[in-house]
Amino acid sequence: IPQALLDKELAHQGLTELHVVNSMHERKQRMAELSDAFIALPGGYGTLEELSEITTWTQLGLHHKPCGVLNIAGFYDGLMQFLDHATAEGFIRPEHRSIILNAADPAELILQLQTIQLPTCTKWINPQQL
């Protein structure tokens, strides 16, 4: 947790380990280093921003770790529809759309994260497709 948030919010004191960092960027970098995968729970702007950045890092090949949303009570249905629409409109490559997994059941989401074959893309634009 960034120190600024620790000062404003309540930090969970029952954790086996709590990393206090200086900035949100350092928080995301530390999470990326320590994590095998990423799960977004229902949340607001901060959750959406972190999910977007970590998904982009997967897309760009900065790490090769899966991302998913725990879609409790359809919370992320609108986001999934947006991603499908952005893919249909050509803003997200179909192989990159698969980076964000979606499940309402935690065990199902973990299984998806464990078994996904993440895309690798060596060339983003094919001049013959222009």
C-alpha atoms as a PDB file:
ATOM      1  CA  ILE A   1       0.000   0.000   0.000  1.00  0.00           C
ATOM      2  CA  PRO A   2       1.349   3.470  -0.749  1.00  0.00           C
ATOM      3  CA  GLN A   3       2.139   5.470   2.381  1.00  0.00           C
ATOM      4  CA  ALA A   4      -0.323   8.184   1.318  1.00  0.00           C
ATOM      5  CA  LEU A   5      -3.165   5.638   1.226  1.00  0.00           C
ATOM      6  CA  LEU A   6      -2.019   4.066   4.465  1.00  0.00           C
ATOM      7  CA  ASP A   7      -2.391   7.501   6.069  1.00  0.00           C
ATOM      8  CA  LYS A   8      -5.951   7.935   4.653  1.00  0.00           C
ATOM      9  CA  GLU A   9      -7.305   4.385   4.779  1.00  0.00           C
ATOM     10  CA  LEU A  10      -7.328   1.447   7.094  1.00  0.00           C
ATOM     11  CA  ALA A  11      -4.582  -1.096   6.410  1.00  0.00           C
ATOM     12  CA  HIS A  12      -5.422  -4.734   7.124  1.00  0.00           C
ATOM     13  CA  GLN A  13      -3.446  -5.618  10.266  1.00  0.00           C
ATOM     14  CA  GLY A  14      -4.059  -9.391  10.019  1.00  0.00           C
ATOM     15  CA  LEU A  15      -1.802  -9.914   7.017  1.00  0.00           C
ATOM     16  CA  THR A  16       1.337 -12.013   7.223  1.00  0.00           C
ATOM     17  CA  GLU A  17       3.114  -9.324   5.223  1.00  0.00           C
ATOM     18  CA  LEU A  18       2.296  -5.707   4.317  1.00  0.00           C
ATOM     19  CA  HIS A  19       4.515  -3.810   1.878  1.00  0.00           C
ATOM     20  CA  VAL A  20       4.404  -0.038   2.347  1.00  0.00           C
ATOM     21  CA  VAL A  21       5.725   1.827  -0.705  1.00  0.00           C
ATOM     22  CA  ASN A  22       6.192   5.456  -1.716  1.00  0.00           C
ATOM     23  CA  SER A  23       3.899   5.688  -4.755  1.00  0.00           C
ATOM     24  CA  MET A  24       1.171   3.995  -6.755  1.00  0.00           C
ATOM     25  CA  HIS A  25       3.678   3.224  -9.498  1.00  0.00           C
ATOM     26  CA  GLU A  26       5.968   1.523  -6.980  1.00  0.00           C
ATOM     27  CA  ARG A  27       2.929  -0.419  -5.676  1.00  0.00           C
ATOM     28  CA  LYS A  28       2.104  -1.712  -9.165  1.00  0.00           C
ATOM     29  CA  GLN A  29       5.741  -2.565  -9.858  1.00  0.00           C
ATOM     30  CA  ARG A  30       5.998  -4.491  -6.583  1.00  0.00           C
ATOM     31  CA  MET A  31       2.748  -6.356  -7.275  1.00  0.00           C
ATOM     32  CA  ALA A  32       4.025  -7.253 -10.743  1.00  0.00           C
ATOM     33  CA  GLU A  33       7.269  -8.591  -9.284  1.00  0.00           C
ATOM     34  CA  LEU A  34       5.603 -10.659  -6.554  1.00  0.00           C
ATOM     35  CA  SER A  35       2.582 -11.993  -8.443  1.00  0.00           C
ATOM     36  CA  ASP A  36       2.043 -15.034 -10.639  1.00  0.00           C
ATOM     37  CA  ALA A  37      -1.305 -13.672 -11.870  1.00  0.00           C
ATOM     38  CA  PHE A  38      -3.673 -10.766 -11.251  1.00  0.00           C
ATOM     39  CA  ILE A  39      -7.307 -10.788 -10.142  1.00  0.00           C
ATOM     40  CA  ALA A  40      -9.411  -7.633 -10.000  1.00  0.00           C
ATOM     41  CA  LEU A  41     -12.235  -7.673  -7.495  1.00  0.00           C
ATOM     42  CA  PRO A  42     -15.141  -5.263  -7.924  1.00  0.00           C
ATOM     43  CA  GLY A  43     -13.836  -1.744  -7.427  1.00  0.00           C
ATOM     44  CA  GLY A  44     -13.635   1.784  -8.718  1.00  0.00           C
ATOM     45  CA  TYR A  45     -11.252   3.949 -10.721  1.00  0.00           C
ATOM     46  CA  GLY A  46      -8.113   2.684  -8.978  1.00  0.00           C
ATOM     47  CA  THR A  47      -9.006  -0.944  -9.633  1.00  0.00           C
ATOM     48  CA  LEU A  48      -9.796  -0.211 -13.275  1.00  0.00           C
ATOM     49  CA  GLU A  49      -6.534   1.724 -13.712  1.00  0.00           C
ATOM     50  CA  GLU A  50      -4.442  -1.045 -12.147  1.00  0.00           C
ATOM     51  CA  LEU A  51      -6.184  -3.733 -14.213  1.00  0.00           C
ATOM     52  CA  SER A  52      -5.650  -1.711 -17.385  1.00  0.00           C
ATOM     53  CA  GLU A  53      -1.972  -1.125 -16.721  1.00  0.00           C
ATOM     54  CA  ILE A  54      -1.129  -4.686 -15.733  1.00  0.00           C
ATOM     55  CA  THR A  55      -3.079  -6.007 -18.739  1.00  0.00           C
ATOM     56  CA  THR A  56      -1.144  -3.638 -20.987  1.00  0.00           C
ATOM     57  CA  TRP A  57       2.115  -4.944 -19.510  1.00  0.00           C
ATOM     58  CA  THR A  58       1.007  -8.470 -20.495  1.00  0.00           C
ATOM     59  CA  GLN A  59       0.015  -7.250 -23.967  1.00  0.00           C
ATOM     60  CA  LEU A  60       3.379  -5.534 -24.469  1.00  0.00           C
ATOM     61  CA  GLY A  61       5.305  -8.563 -23.222  1.00  0.00           C
ATOM     62  CA  LEU A  62       6.742  -6.777 -20.165  1.00  0.00           C
ATOM     63  CA  HIS A  63       5.651  -9.841 -18.205  1.00  0.00           C
ATOM     64  CA  HIS A  64       3.860 -13.077 -19.116  1.00  0.00           C
ATOM     65  CA  LYS A  65       1.243 -13.260 -16.368  1.00  0.00           C
ATOM     66  CA  PRO A  66      -2.517 -13.718 -16.770  1.00  0.00           C
ATOM     67  CA  CYS A  67      -5.146 -11.227 -15.624  1.00  0.00           C
ATOM     68  CA  GLY A  68      -8.735 -11.837 -14.629  1.00  0.00           C
ATOM     69  CA  VAL A  69     -11.794 -10.248 -13.106  1.00  0.00           C
ATOM     70  CA  LEU A  70     -13.872 -11.833 -10.398  1.00  0.00           C
ATOM     71  CA  ASN A  71     -17.217 -10.933 -11.918  1.00  0.00           C
ATOM     72  CA  ILE A  72     -19.402 -11.123  -8.814  1.00  0.00           C
ATOM     73  CA  ALA A  73     -23.104 -10.526  -9.545  1.00  0.00           C
ATOM     74  CA  GLY A  74     -22.233  -9.364 -13.074  1.00  0.00           C
ATOM     75  CA  PHE A  75     -20.185  -6.405 -11.802  1.00  0.00           C
ATOM     76  CA  TYR A  76     -17.802  -6.560 -14.780  1.00  0.00           C
ATOM     77  CA  ASP A  77     -20.377  -7.403 -17.475  1.00  0.00           C
ATOM     78  CA  GLY A  78     -20.212  -3.845 -18.855  1.00  0.00           C
ATOM     79  CA  LEU A  79     -16.410  -3.943 -19.023  1.00  0.00           C
ATOM     80  CA  MET A  80     -16.492  -7.297 -20.809  1.00  0.00           C
ATOM     81  CA  GLN A  81     -18.999  -5.884 -23.316  1.00  0.00           C
ATOM     82  CA  PHE A  82     -16.766  -2.850 -23.869  1.00  0.00           C
ATOM     83  CA  LEU A  83     -13.712  -5.066 -24.477  1.00  0.00           C
ATOM     84  CA  ASP A  84     -15.680  -7.188 -26.943  1.00  0.00           C
ATOM     85  CA  HIS A  85     -16.863  -4.012 -28.715  1.00  0.00           C
ATOM     86  CA  ALA A  86     -13.333  -2.556 -28.833  1.00  0.00           C
ATOM     87  CA  THR A  87     -12.126  -5.862 -30.307  1.00  0.00           C
ATOM     88  CA  ALA A  88     -14.899  -5.889 -32.921  1.00  0.00           C
ATOM     89  CA  GLU A  89     -13.984  -2.299 -33.864  1.00  0.00           C
ATOM     90  CA  GLY A  90     -10.319  -3.239 -34.274  1.00  0.00           C
ATOM     91  CA  PHE A  91      -8.908  -1.391 -31.255  1.00  0.00           C
ATOM     92  CA  ILE A  92      -7.950  -4.599 -29.450  1.00  0.00           C
ATOM     93  CA  ARG A  93      -6.434  -7.511 -31.313  1.00  0.00           C
ATOM     94  CA  PRO A  94      -8.526 -10.701 -30.881  1.00  0.00           C
ATOM     95  CA  GLU A  95      -5.558 -12.543 -29.388  1.00  0.00           C
ATOM     96  CA  HIS A  96      -5.108  -9.733 -26.852  1.00  0.00           C
ATOM     97  CA  ARG A  97      -8.788  -9.765 -25.879  1.00  0.00           C
ATOM     98  CA  SER A  98      -8.160 -13.143 -24.281  1.00  0.00           C
ATOM     99  CA  ILE A  99      -5.722 -11.613 -21.773  1.00  0.00           C
ATOM    100  CA  ILE A 100      -8.504 -10.589 -19.356  1.00  0.00           C
ATOM    101  CA  LEU A 101     -10.291 -13.656 -18.069  1.00  0.00           C
ATOM    102  CA  ASN A 102     -13.749 -13.485 -16.552  1.00  0.00           C
ATOM    103  CA  ALA A 103     -15.519 -15.692 -14.009  1.00  0.00           C
ATOM    104  CA  ALA A 104     -18.010 -15.264 -11.176  1.00  0.00           C
ATOM    105  CA  ASP A 105     -16.650 -18.256  -9.250  1.00  0.00           C
ATOM    106  CA  PRO A 106     -13.193 -17.815  -7.627  1.00  0.00           C
ATOM    107  CA  ALA A 107     -12.173 -21.456  -8.191  1.00  0.00           C
ATOM    108  CA  GLU A 108     -13.164 -21.247 -11.864  1.00  0.00           C
ATOM    109  CA  LEU A 109     -11.185 -18.023 -12.316  1.00  0.00           C
ATOM    110  CA  ILE A 110      -8.094 -19.525 -10.697  1.00  0.00           C
ATOM    111  CA  LEU A 111      -8.355 -22.572 -12.971  1.00  0.00           C
ATOM    112  CA  GLN A 112      -8.591 -20.273 -16.008  1.00  0.00           C
ATOM    113  CA  LEU A 113      -5.541 -18.312 -14.806  1.00  0.00           C
ATOM    114  CA  GLN A 114      -3.583 -21.552 -14.364  1.00  0.00           C
ATOM    115  CA  THR A 115      -4.424 -22.969 -17.794  1.00  0.00           C
ATOM    116  CA  ILE A 116      -4.539 -19.993 -20.188  1.00  0.00           C
ATOM    117  CA  GLN A 117      -2.060 -19.882 -23.036  1.00  0.00           C
ATOM    118  CA  LEU A 118      -1.238 -16.186 -23.214  1.00  0.00           C
ATOM    119  CA  PRO A 119      -0.713 -14.703 -26.660  1.00  0.00           C
ATOM    120  CA  THR A 120       2.674 -13.662 -27.910  1.00  0.00           C
ATOM    121  CA  CYS A 121       2.865 -11.152 -30.678  1.00  0.00           C
ATOM    122  CA  THR A 122       6.179 -10.386 -32.334  1.00  0.00           C
ATOM    123  CA  LYS A 123       4.823  -7.917 -34.882  1.00  0.00           C
ATOM    124  CA  TRP A 124       1.962  -5.511 -34.130  1.00  0.00           C
ATOM    125  CA  ILE A 125       1.263  -4.179 -37.611  1.00  0.00           C
ATOM    126  CA  ASN A 126       1.491  -6.153 -40.811  1.00  0.00           C
ATOM    127  CA  PRO A 127       2.076  -3.747 -43.732  1.00  0.00           C
ATOM    128  CA  GLN A 128       0.115  -6.096 -46.050  1.00  0.00           C
ATOM    129  CA  GLN A 129      -2.986  -5.519 -43.901  1.00  0.00           C
ATOM    130  CA  LEU A 130      -2.893  -1.724 -44.341  1.00  0.00           C
END
